[in-house]
Amino acid sequence: MRHTEFWARMDRHLGDAYAQVWADQFVITALGQRTVRQALDAGMEPKAVWRAVWEVLELPDNER
């Protein structure tokens, strides 16, 4: 997954503006107690970050 696809999914599920705020503020345990932005900036693969987001947001299986 590319970063552009990751952010498109975030925007689709959280809205354009809120996705950015959520990514900067919401700490996810599965990301090593980091936010989405911190995890991506640390070099985590977008697909791995998306899986953590998918789980936290309790999205349907087809969004995995």
PDB file of N, CA and C in Angstrom:
ATOM      1  N   MET A   1       0.847  -1.173   0.000  1.00  0.00           N
ATOM      2  CA  MET A   1       0.000   0.000   0.000  1.00  0.00           C
ATOM      3  C   MET A   1       0.895   1.239   0.000  1.00  0.00           C
ATOM      4  N   ARG A   2       0.538   2.174  -0.838  1.00  0.00           N
ATOM      5  CA  ARG A   2       1.270   3.444  -0.885  1.00  0.00           C
ATOM      6  C   ARG A   2       0.665   4.430   0.115  1.00  0.00           C
ATOM      7  N   HIS A   3       1.436   5.435   0.435  1.00  0.00           N
ATOM      8  CA  HIS A   3       0.954   6.465   1.351  1.00  0.00           C
ATOM      9  C   HIS A   3      -0.312   7.131   0.819  1.00  0.00           C
ATOM     10  N   THR A   4      -0.383   7.341  -0.490  1.00  0.00           N
ATOM     11  CA  THR A   4      -1.564   7.994  -1.060  1.00  0.00           C
ATOM     12  C   THR A   4      -2.815   7.153  -0.841  1.00  0.00           C
ATOM     13  N   GLU A   5      -2.704   5.847  -1.002  1.00  0.00           N
ATOM     14  CA  GLU A   5      -3.854   4.976  -0.760  1.00  0.00           C
ATOM     15  C   GLU A   5      -4.225   4.972   0.723  1.00  0.00           C
ATOM     16  N   PHE A   6      -3.210   4.943   1.582  1.00  0.00           N
ATOM     17  CA  PHE A   6      -3.461   4.981   3.022  1.00  0.00           C
ATOM     18  C   PHE A   6      -4.271   6.227   3.385  1.00  0.00           C
ATOM     19  N   TRP A   7      -3.812   7.399   2.918  1.00  0.00           N
ATOM     20  CA  TRP A   7      -4.498   8.642   3.272  1.00  0.00           C
ATOM     21  C   TRP A   7      -5.880   8.732   2.632  1.00  0.00           C
ATOM     22  N   ALA A   8      -6.056   8.154   1.461  1.00  0.00           N
ATOM     23  CA  ALA A   8      -7.384   8.125   0.840  1.00  0.00           C
ATOM     24  C   ALA A   8      -8.345   7.310   1.697  1.00  0.00           C
ATOM     25  N   ARG A   9      -7.869   6.198   2.237  1.00  0.00           N
ATOM     26  CA  ARG A   9      -8.718   5.388   3.120  1.00  0.00           C
ATOM     27  C   ARG A   9      -9.044   6.137   4.413  1.00  0.00           C
ATOM     28  N   MET A  10      -8.043   6.797   4.960  1.00  0.00           N
ATOM     29  CA  MET A  10      -8.278   7.576   6.187  1.00  0.00           C
ATOM     30  C   MET A  10      -9.334   8.649   5.926  1.00  0.00           C
ATOM     31  N   ASP A  11      -9.189   9.353   4.814  1.00  0.00           N
ATOM     32  CA  ASP A  11     -10.146  10.406   4.464  1.00  0.00           C
ATOM     33  C   ASP A  11     -11.550   9.836   4.270  1.00  0.00           C
ATOM     34  N   ARG A  12     -11.636   8.685   3.634  1.00  0.00           N
ATOM     35  CA  ARG A  12     -12.937   8.074   3.369  1.00  0.00           C
ATOM     36  C   ARG A  12     -13.651   7.693   4.670  1.00  0.00           C
ATOM     37  N   HIS A  13     -12.909   7.237   5.645  1.00  0.00           N
ATOM     38  CA  HIS A  13     -13.534   6.761   6.878  1.00  0.00           C
ATOM     39  C   HIS A  13     -13.679   7.829   7.961  1.00  0.00           C
ATOM     40  N   LEU A  14     -12.814   8.820   7.936  1.00  0.00           N
ATOM     41  CA  LEU A  14     -12.854   9.828   8.998  1.00  0.00           C
ATOM     42  C   LEU A  14     -13.167  11.234   8.493  1.00  0.00           C
ATOM     43  N   GLY A  15     -13.159  11.416   7.190  1.00  0.00           N
ATOM     44  CA  GLY A  15     -13.357  12.757   6.631  1.00  0.00           C
ATOM     45  C   GLY A  15     -12.014  13.431   6.416  1.00  0.00           C
ATOM     46  N   ASP A  16     -11.968  14.300   5.433  1.00  0.00           N
ATOM     47  CA  ASP A  16     -10.700  14.930   5.045  1.00  0.00           C
ATOM     48  C   ASP A  16      -9.996  15.646   6.195  1.00  0.00           C
ATOM     49  N   ALA A  17     -10.704  16.481   6.891  1.00  0.00           N
ATOM     50  CA  ALA A  17     -10.085  17.277   7.953  1.00  0.00           C
ATOM     51  C   ALA A  17      -9.824  16.445   9.208  1.00  0.00           C
ATOM     52  N   TYR A  18     -10.790  15.653   9.613  1.00  0.00           N
ATOM     53  CA  TYR A  18     -10.644  14.903  10.862  1.00  0.00           C
ATOM     54  C   TYR A  18      -9.581  13.817  10.756  1.00  0.00           C
ATOM     55  N   ALA A  19      -9.386  13.237   9.598  1.00  0.00           N
ATOM     56  CA  ALA A  19      -8.378  12.187   9.429  1.00  0.00           C
ATOM     57  C   ALA A  19      -6.996  12.700   9.826  1.00  0.00           C
ATOM     58  N   GLN A  20      -6.685  13.920   9.437  1.00  0.00           N
ATOM     59  CA  GLN A  20      -5.380  14.498   9.778  1.00  0.00           C
ATOM     60  C   GLN A  20      -5.247  14.730  11.284  1.00  0.00           C
ATOM     61  N   VAL A  21      -6.282  15.260  11.884  1.00  0.00           N
ATOM     62  CA  VAL A  21      -6.261  15.514  13.329  1.00  0.00           C
ATOM     63  C   VAL A  21      -6.144  14.197  14.087  1.00  0.00           C
ATOM     64  N   TRP A  22      -6.953  13.228  13.704  1.00  0.00           N
ATOM     65  CA  TRP A  22      -6.947  11.922  14.358  1.00  0.00           C
ATOM     66  C   TRP A  22      -5.566  11.281  14.229  1.00  0.00           C
ATOM     67  N   ALA A  23      -4.969  11.353  13.042  1.00  0.00           N
ATOM     68  CA  ALA A  23      -3.651  10.759  12.804  1.00  0.00           C
ATOM     69  C   ALA A  23      -2.566  11.416  13.654  1.00  0.00           C
ATOM     70  N   ASP A  24      -2.745  12.669  13.980  1.00  0.00           N
ATOM     71  CA  ASP A  24      -1.761  13.395  14.788  1.00  0.00           C
ATOM     72  C   ASP A  24      -1.965  13.219  16.284  1.00  0.00           C
ATOM     73  N   GLN A  25      -3.174  12.843  16.718  1.00  0.00           N
ATOM     74  CA  GLN A  25      -3.464  12.856  18.148  1.00  0.00           C
ATOM     75  C   GLN A  25      -3.793  11.511  18.778  1.00  0.00           C
ATOM     76  N   PHE A  26      -4.338  10.572  18.018  1.00  0.00           N
ATOM     77  CA  PHE A  26      -4.803   9.316  18.597  1.00  0.00           C
ATOM     78  C   PHE A  26      -3.648   8.319  18.694  1.00  0.00           C
ATOM     79  N   VAL A  27      -3.317   7.910  19.912  1.00  0.00           N
ATOM     80  CA  VAL A  27      -2.224   6.964  20.155  1.00  0.00           C
ATOM     81  C   VAL A  27      -2.775   5.542  20.054  1.00  0.00           C
ATOM     82  N   ILE A  28      -2.071   4.709  19.299  1.00  0.00           N
ATOM     83  CA  ILE A  28      -2.491   3.324  19.085  1.00  0.00           C
ATOM     84  C   ILE A  28      -1.446   2.383  19.686  1.00  0.00           C
ATOM     85  N   THR A  29      -1.878   1.532  20.579  1.00  0.00           N
ATOM     86  CA  THR A  29      -0.982   0.591  21.250  1.00  0.00           C
ATOM     87  C   THR A  29      -0.235  -0.283  20.254  1.00  0.00           C
ATOM     88  N   ALA A  30      -0.941  -0.791  19.246  1.00  0.00           N
ATOM     89  CA  ALA A  30      -0.332  -1.690  18.262  1.00  0.00           C
ATOM     90  C   ALA A  30       0.770  -1.011  17.443  1.00  0.00           C
ATOM     91  N   LEU A  31       0.829   0.296  17.494  1.00  0.00           N
ATOM     92  CA  LEU A  31       1.870   1.042  16.777  1.00  0.00           C
ATOM     93  C   LEU A  31       3.007   1.432  17.717  1.00  0.00           C
ATOM     94  N   GLY A  32       3.091   0.760  18.848  1.00  0.00           N
ATOM     95  CA  GLY A  32       4.147   1.061  19.808  1.00  0.00           C
ATOM     96  C   GLY A  32       3.884   2.328  20.588  1.00  0.00           C
ATOM     97  N   GLN A  33       2.619   2.529  20.937  1.00  0.00           N
ATOM     98  CA  GLN A  33       2.206   3.740  21.679  1.00  0.00           C
ATOM     99  C   GLN A  33       2.511   5.005  20.879  1.00  0.00           C
ATOM    100  N   ARG A  34       2.332   4.915  19.569  1.00  0.00           N
ATOM    101  CA  ARG A  34       2.557   6.078  18.702  1.00  0.00           C
ATOM    102  C   ARG A  34       1.264   6.441  17.994  1.00  0.00           C
ATOM    103  N   THR A  35       1.241   7.644  17.495  1.00  0.00           N
ATOM    104  CA  THR A  35       0.136   8.060  16.629  1.00  0.00           C
ATOM    105  C   THR A  35       0.406   7.525  15.226  1.00  0.00           C
ATOM    106  N   VAL A  36      -0.604   7.608  14.385  1.00  0.00           N
ATOM    107  CA  VAL A  36      -0.442   7.205  12.990  1.00  0.00           C
ATOM    108  C   VAL A  36       0.690   8.002  12.348  1.00  0.00           C
ATOM    109  N   ARG A  37       0.685   9.283  12.536  1.00  0.00           N
ATOM    110  CA  ARG A  37       1.711  10.141  11.931  1.00  0.00           C
ATOM    111  C   ARG A  37       3.106   9.760  12.428  1.00  0.00           C
ATOM    112  N   GLN A  38       3.242   9.524  13.726  1.00  0.00           N
ATOM    113  CA  GLN A  38       4.544   9.142  14.279  1.00  0.00           C
ATOM    114  C   GLN A  38       5.004   7.801  13.711  1.00  0.00           C
ATOM    115  N   ALA A  39       4.083   6.868  13.581  1.00  0.00           N
ATOM    116  CA  ALA A  39       4.432   5.546  13.048  1.00  0.00           C
ATOM    117  C   ALA A  39       4.897   5.655  11.598  1.00  0.00           C
ATOM    118  N   LEU A  40       4.174   6.414  10.792  1.00  0.00           N
ATOM    119  CA  LEU A  40       4.577   6.590   9.401  1.00  0.00           C
ATOM    120  C   LEU A  40       5.905   7.335   9.291  1.00  0.00           C
ATOM    121  N   ASP A  41       6.076   8.358  10.105  1.00  0.00           N
ATOM    122  CA  ASP A  41       7.330   9.121  10.088  1.00  0.00           C
ATOM    123  C   ASP A  41       8.514   8.276  10.545  1.00  0.00           C
ATOM    124  N   ALA A  42       8.245   7.273  11.389  1.00  0.00           N
ATOM    125  CA  ALA A  42       9.299   6.381  11.870  1.00  0.00           C
ATOM    126  C   ALA A  42       9.639   5.300  10.846  1.00  0.00           C
ATOM    127  N   GLY A  43       8.897   5.266   9.746  1.00  0.00           N
ATOM    128  CA  GLY A  43       9.197   4.329   8.684  1.00  0.00           C
ATOM    129  C   GLY A  43       8.348   3.074   8.634  1.00  0.00           C
ATOM    130  N   MET A  44       7.314   3.013   9.466  1.00  0.00           N
ATOM    131  CA  MET A  44       6.423   1.855   9.390  1.00  0.00           C
ATOM    132  C   MET A  44       5.715   1.849   8.047  1.00  0.00           C
ATOM    133  N   GLU A  45       5.506   0.650   7.523  1.00  0.00           N
ATOM    134  CA  GLU A  45       4.798   0.494   6.255  1.00  0.00           C
ATOM    135  C   GLU A  45       3.348   0.954   6.400  1.00  0.00           C
ATOM    136  N   PRO A  46       2.827   1.699   5.447  1.00  0.00           N
ATOM    137  CA  PRO A  46       1.431   2.146   5.512  1.00  0.00           C
ATOM    138  C   PRO A  46       0.445   0.991   5.693  1.00  0.00           C
ATOM    139  N   LYS A  47       0.719  -0.157   5.099  1.00  0.00           N
ATOM    140  CA  LYS A  47      -0.182  -1.300   5.233  1.00  0.00           C
ATOM    141  C   LYS A  47      -0.269  -1.769   6.687  1.00  0.00           C
ATOM    142  N   ALA A  48       0.850  -1.802   7.384  1.00  0.00           N
ATOM    143  CA  ALA A  48       0.866  -2.199   8.793  1.00  0.00           C
ATOM    144  C   ALA A  48       0.130  -1.169   9.647  1.00  0.00           C
ATOM    145  N   VAL A  49       0.324   0.097   9.328  1.00  0.00           N
ATOM    146  CA  VAL A  49      -0.367   1.163  10.063  1.00  0.00           C
ATOM    147  C   VAL A  49      -1.865   1.072   9.796  1.00  0.00           C
ATOM    148  N   TRP A  50      -2.241   0.813   8.539  1.00  0.00           N
ATOM    149  CA  TRP A  50      -3.656   0.697   8.210  1.00  0.00           C
ATOM    150  C   TRP A  50      -4.312  -0.436   8.990  1.00  0.00           C
ATOM    151  N   ARG A  51      -3.625  -1.562   9.127  1.00  0.00           N
ATOM    152  CA  ARG A  51      -4.192  -2.682   9.887  1.00  0.00           C
ATOM    153  C   ARG A  51      -4.504  -2.268  11.319  1.00  0.00           C
ATOM    154  N   ALA A  52      -3.624  -1.495  11.909  1.00  0.00           N
ATOM    155  CA  ALA A  52      -3.854  -1.022  13.282  1.00  0.00           C
ATOM    156  C   ALA A  52      -5.041  -0.054  13.316  1.00  0.00           C
ATOM    157  N   VAL A  53      -5.113   0.839  12.347  1.00  0.00           N
ATOM    158  CA  VAL A  53      -6.236   1.778  12.264  1.00  0.00           C
ATOM    159  C   VAL A  53      -7.535   1.011  12.055  1.00  0.00           C
ATOM    160  N   TRP A  54      -7.515   0.055  11.128  1.00  0.00           N
ATOM    161  CA  TRP A  54      -8.687  -0.772  10.819  1.00  0.00           C
ATOM    162  C   TRP A  54      -9.221  -1.432  12.092  1.00  0.00           C
ATOM    163  N   GLU A  55      -8.315  -1.952  12.896  1.00  0.00           N
ATOM    164  CA  GLU A  55      -8.729  -2.639  14.125  1.00  0.00           C
ATOM    165  C   GLU A  55      -9.324  -1.660  15.137  1.00  0.00           C
ATOM    166  N   VAL A  56      -8.663  -0.539  15.332  1.00  0.00           N
ATOM    167  CA  VAL A  56      -9.128   0.455  16.304  1.00  0.00           C
ATOM    168  C   VAL A  56     -10.498   1.009  15.917  1.00  0.00           C
ATOM    169  N   LEU A  57     -10.679   1.267  14.633  1.00  0.00           N
ATOM    170  CA  LEU A  57     -11.948   1.831  14.171  1.00  0.00           C
ATOM    171  C   LEU A  57     -13.043   0.779  13.993  1.00  0.00           C
ATOM    172  N   GLU A  58     -12.658  -0.492  14.165  1.00  0.00           N
ATOM    173  CA  GLU A  58     -13.607  -1.607  14.023  1.00  0.00           C
ATOM    174  C   GLU A  58     -14.328  -1.551  12.678  1.00  0.00           C
ATOM    175  N   LEU A  59     -13.531  -1.427  11.631  1.00  0.00           N
ATOM    176  CA  LEU A  59     -14.083  -1.361  10.274  1.00  0.00           C
ATOM    177  C   LEU A  59     -14.410  -2.763   9.785  1.00  0.00           C
ATOM    178  N   PRO A  60     -15.283  -2.858   8.776  1.00  0.00           N
ATOM    179  CA  PRO A  60     -15.656  -4.172   8.248  1.00  0.00           C
ATOM    180  C   PRO A  60     -14.465  -4.885   7.603  1.00  0.00           C
ATOM    181  N   ASP A  61     -14.560  -6.188   7.539  1.00  0.00           N
ATOM    182  CA  ASP A  61     -13.478  -6.998   6.973  1.00  0.00           C
ATOM    183  C   ASP A  61     -13.108  -6.589   5.552  1.00  0.00           C
ATOM    184  N   ASN A  62     -14.076  -6.162   4.780  1.00  0.00           N
ATOM    185  CA  ASN A  62     -13.780  -5.806   3.385  1.00  0.00           C
ATOM    186  C   ASN A  62     -12.937  -4.516   3.278  1.00  0.00           C
ATOM    187  N   GLU A  63     -12.730  -3.822   4.358  1.00  0.00           N
ATOM    188  CA  GLU A  63     -11.904  -2.610   4.367  1.00  0.00           C
ATOM    189  C   GLU A  63     -10.474  -2.907   4.811  1.00  0.00           C
ATOM    190  N   ARG A  64     -10.206  -4.138   5.110  1.00  0.00           N
ATOM    191  CA  ARG A  64      -8.895  -4.517   5.606  1.00  0.00           C
ATOM    192  C   ARG A  64      -7.909  -4.417   4.489  1.00  0.00           C
TER     193      ARG A  64
END
